[in-house]
Each structure stands twice: as structure tokens, then as C-alpha cells.
C-alpha atoms as a PDB file:
ATOM      1  CA  MET A   1     181.056 116.580 183.514  1.00  0.00           C
ATOM      2  CA  LYS A   2     178.430 114.606 181.667  1.00  0.00           C
ATOM      3  CA  ASN A   3     178.616 111.545 183.903  1.00  0.00           C
ATOM      4  CA  LEU A   4     177.460 109.122 181.228  1.00  0.00           C
ATOM      5  CA  LYS A   5     176.471 105.675 182.449  1.00  0.00           C
ATOM      6  CA  GLU A   6     176.822 102.213 180.929  1.00  0.00           C
ATOM      7  CA  GLY A   7     173.814 101.651 178.659  1.00  0.00           C
ATOM      8  CA  ASP A   8     173.220 105.360 177.912  1.00  0.00           C
ATOM      9  CA  SER A   9     172.599 106.179 174.245  1.00  0.00           C
ATOM     10  CA  VAL A  10     174.589 109.024 172.698  1.00  0.00           C
ATOM     11  CA  VAL A  11     175.238 110.668 169.322  1.00  0.00           C
ATOM     12  CA  MET A  12     178.544 112.204 168.224  1.00  0.00           C
ATOM     13  CA  HIS A  13     178.839 115.904 167.348  1.00  0.00           C
ATOM     14  CA  SER A  14     181.498 118.564 166.658  1.00  0.00           C
ATOM     15  CA  CYS A  15     184.263 116.098 165.786  1.00  0.00           C
ATOM     16  CA  ILE A  16     185.674 114.468 162.649  1.00  0.00           C
ATOM     17  CA  GLU A  17     184.185 111.092 163.579  1.00  0.00           C
ATOM     18  CA  ALA A  18     180.678 112.649 163.555  1.00  0.00           C
ATOM     19  CA  THR A  19     180.998 113.158 159.765  1.00  0.00           C
ATOM     20  CA  ASN A  20     181.767 109.473 159.160  1.00  0.00           C
ATOM     21  CA  PRO A  21     178.670 107.730 157.692  1.00  0.00           C
ATOM     22  CA  LYS A  22     179.283 104.881 160.154  1.00  0.00           C
ATOM     23  CA  TYR A  23     178.526 107.236 163.083  1.00  0.00           C
ATOM     24  CA  LYS A  24     176.710 110.280 161.617  1.00  0.00           C
ATOM     25  CA  GLY A  25     173.325 110.613 163.307  1.00  0.00           C
ATOM     26  CA  LYS A  26     173.546 107.096 164.764  1.00  0.00           C
ATOM     27  CA  LEU A  27     172.714 106.143 168.334  1.00  0.00           C
ATOM     28  CA  ILE A  28     175.694 104.535 170.068  1.00  0.00           C
ATOM     29  CA  LYS A  29     175.573 102.829 173.466  1.00  0.00           C
ATOM     30  CA  CYS A  30     178.058 103.503 176.239  1.00  0.00           C
ATOM     31  CA  THR A  31     179.700 100.253 177.317  1.00  0.00           C
ATOM     32  CA  THR A  32     181.149 101.776 180.515  1.00  0.00           C
ATOM     33  CA  ASP A  33     180.438 104.655 182.856  1.00  0.00           C
ATOM     34  CA  SER A  34     182.397 107.776 181.930  1.00  0.00           C
ATOM     35  CA  PHE A  35     185.666 108.355 183.793  1.00  0.00           C
ATOM     36  CA  MET A  36     188.522 110.843 183.937  1.00  0.00           C
ATOM     37  CA  GLU A  37     191.481 110.041 181.694  1.00  0.00           C
ATOM     38  CA  ARG A  38     194.544 111.454 183.440  1.00  0.00           C
ATOM     39  CA  LYS A  39     197.444 110.770 181.069  1.00  0.00           C
ATOM     40  CA  GLY A  40     198.411 114.361 180.319  1.00  0.00           C
ATOM     41  CA  TYR A  41     198.224 117.814 181.859  1.00  0.00           C
ATOM     42  CA  ASN A  42     194.579 118.251 180.869  1.00  0.00           C
ATOM     43  CA  PRO A  43     192.458 115.411 182.280  1.00  0.00           C
ATOM     44  CA  GLU A  44     189.387 114.705 180.185  1.00  0.00           C
ATOM     45  CA  GLU A  45     186.152 112.816 180.785  1.00  0.00           C
ATOM     46  CA  VAL A  46     185.966 109.815 178.449  1.00  0.00           C
ATOM     47  CA  VAL A  47     183.806 106.728 177.897  1.00  0.00           C
ATOM     48  CA  PHE A  48     183.993 103.488 175.941  1.00  0.00           C
ATOM     49  CA  LEU A  49     181.386 103.144 173.173  1.00  0.00           C
ATOM     50  CA  GLU A  50     179.916 100.117 171.428  1.00  0.00           C
ATOM     51  CA  GLY A  51     181.635  99.563 168.073  1.00  0.00           C
ATOM     52  CA  VAL A  52     184.211 102.323 168.594  1.00  0.00           C
ATOM     53  CA  SER A  53     187.886 101.534 169.107  1.00  0.00           C
ATOM     54  CA  GLY A  54     189.361 102.987 172.290  1.00  0.00           C
ATOM     55  CA  TYR A  55     187.677 105.511 174.544  1.00  0.00           C
ATOM     56  CA  PHE A  56     185.978 108.704 173.371  1.00  0.00           C
ATOM     57  CA  ALA A  57     185.838 112.225 174.857  1.00  0.00           C
ATOM     58  CA  THR A  58     182.392 112.963 176.289  1.00  0.00           C
ATOM     59  CA  ARG A  59     182.571 116.600 175.137  1.00  0.00           C
ATOM     60  CA  PHE A  60     181.830 115.293 171.636  1.00  0.00           C
ATOM     61  CA  LEU A  61     178.808 113.255 172.744  1.00  0.00           C
ATOM     62  CA  GLU A  62     175.204 114.199 173.377  1.00  0.00           C
ATOM     63  CA  LYS A  63     173.068 111.918 175.535  1.00  0.00           C
ATOM     64  CA  VAL A  64     169.773 110.908 173.919  1.00  0.00           C
ATOM     65  CA  GLU A  65     166.778 110.072 176.110  1.00  0.00           C
ATOM     66  CA  LEU A  66     164.698 107.334 174.526  1.00  0.00           C
END
């Protein structure tokens, strides 16, 4: 688990969204702490991000220390 916190800055990687010029190489702030999404058989750690619709899997995010 990455345990991202509200206010952390992250960049996207290894996903289709990371190739979008809107997000590619851009710092994005977490608007919530990360949490476990438990809808299906494979729970996944997710977080809400500033300017991104819905929540996002933390496995595609890298925390950036400023």
C-alpha cells in the first residue's frame, strides 16, 4: 500500500491516462487520503485526484517529494 495522504503530489505512470498531454509529467494533488475500494473480488487502493474524474488506482501513481 502506498498510503497517499490528502495534499500529496503525485505523477501518473504505466497507464493510458499517463500518455494524455493533460496529465503526462504533471504534478497532481491528492484530494483525499487513499483508501481500499472493495467493490469486486480484488480490492484495490485508490485515491481522488485534483482535476481527475472519479478515483484513481494508486498503483499507477508515484509520490513526488517537493
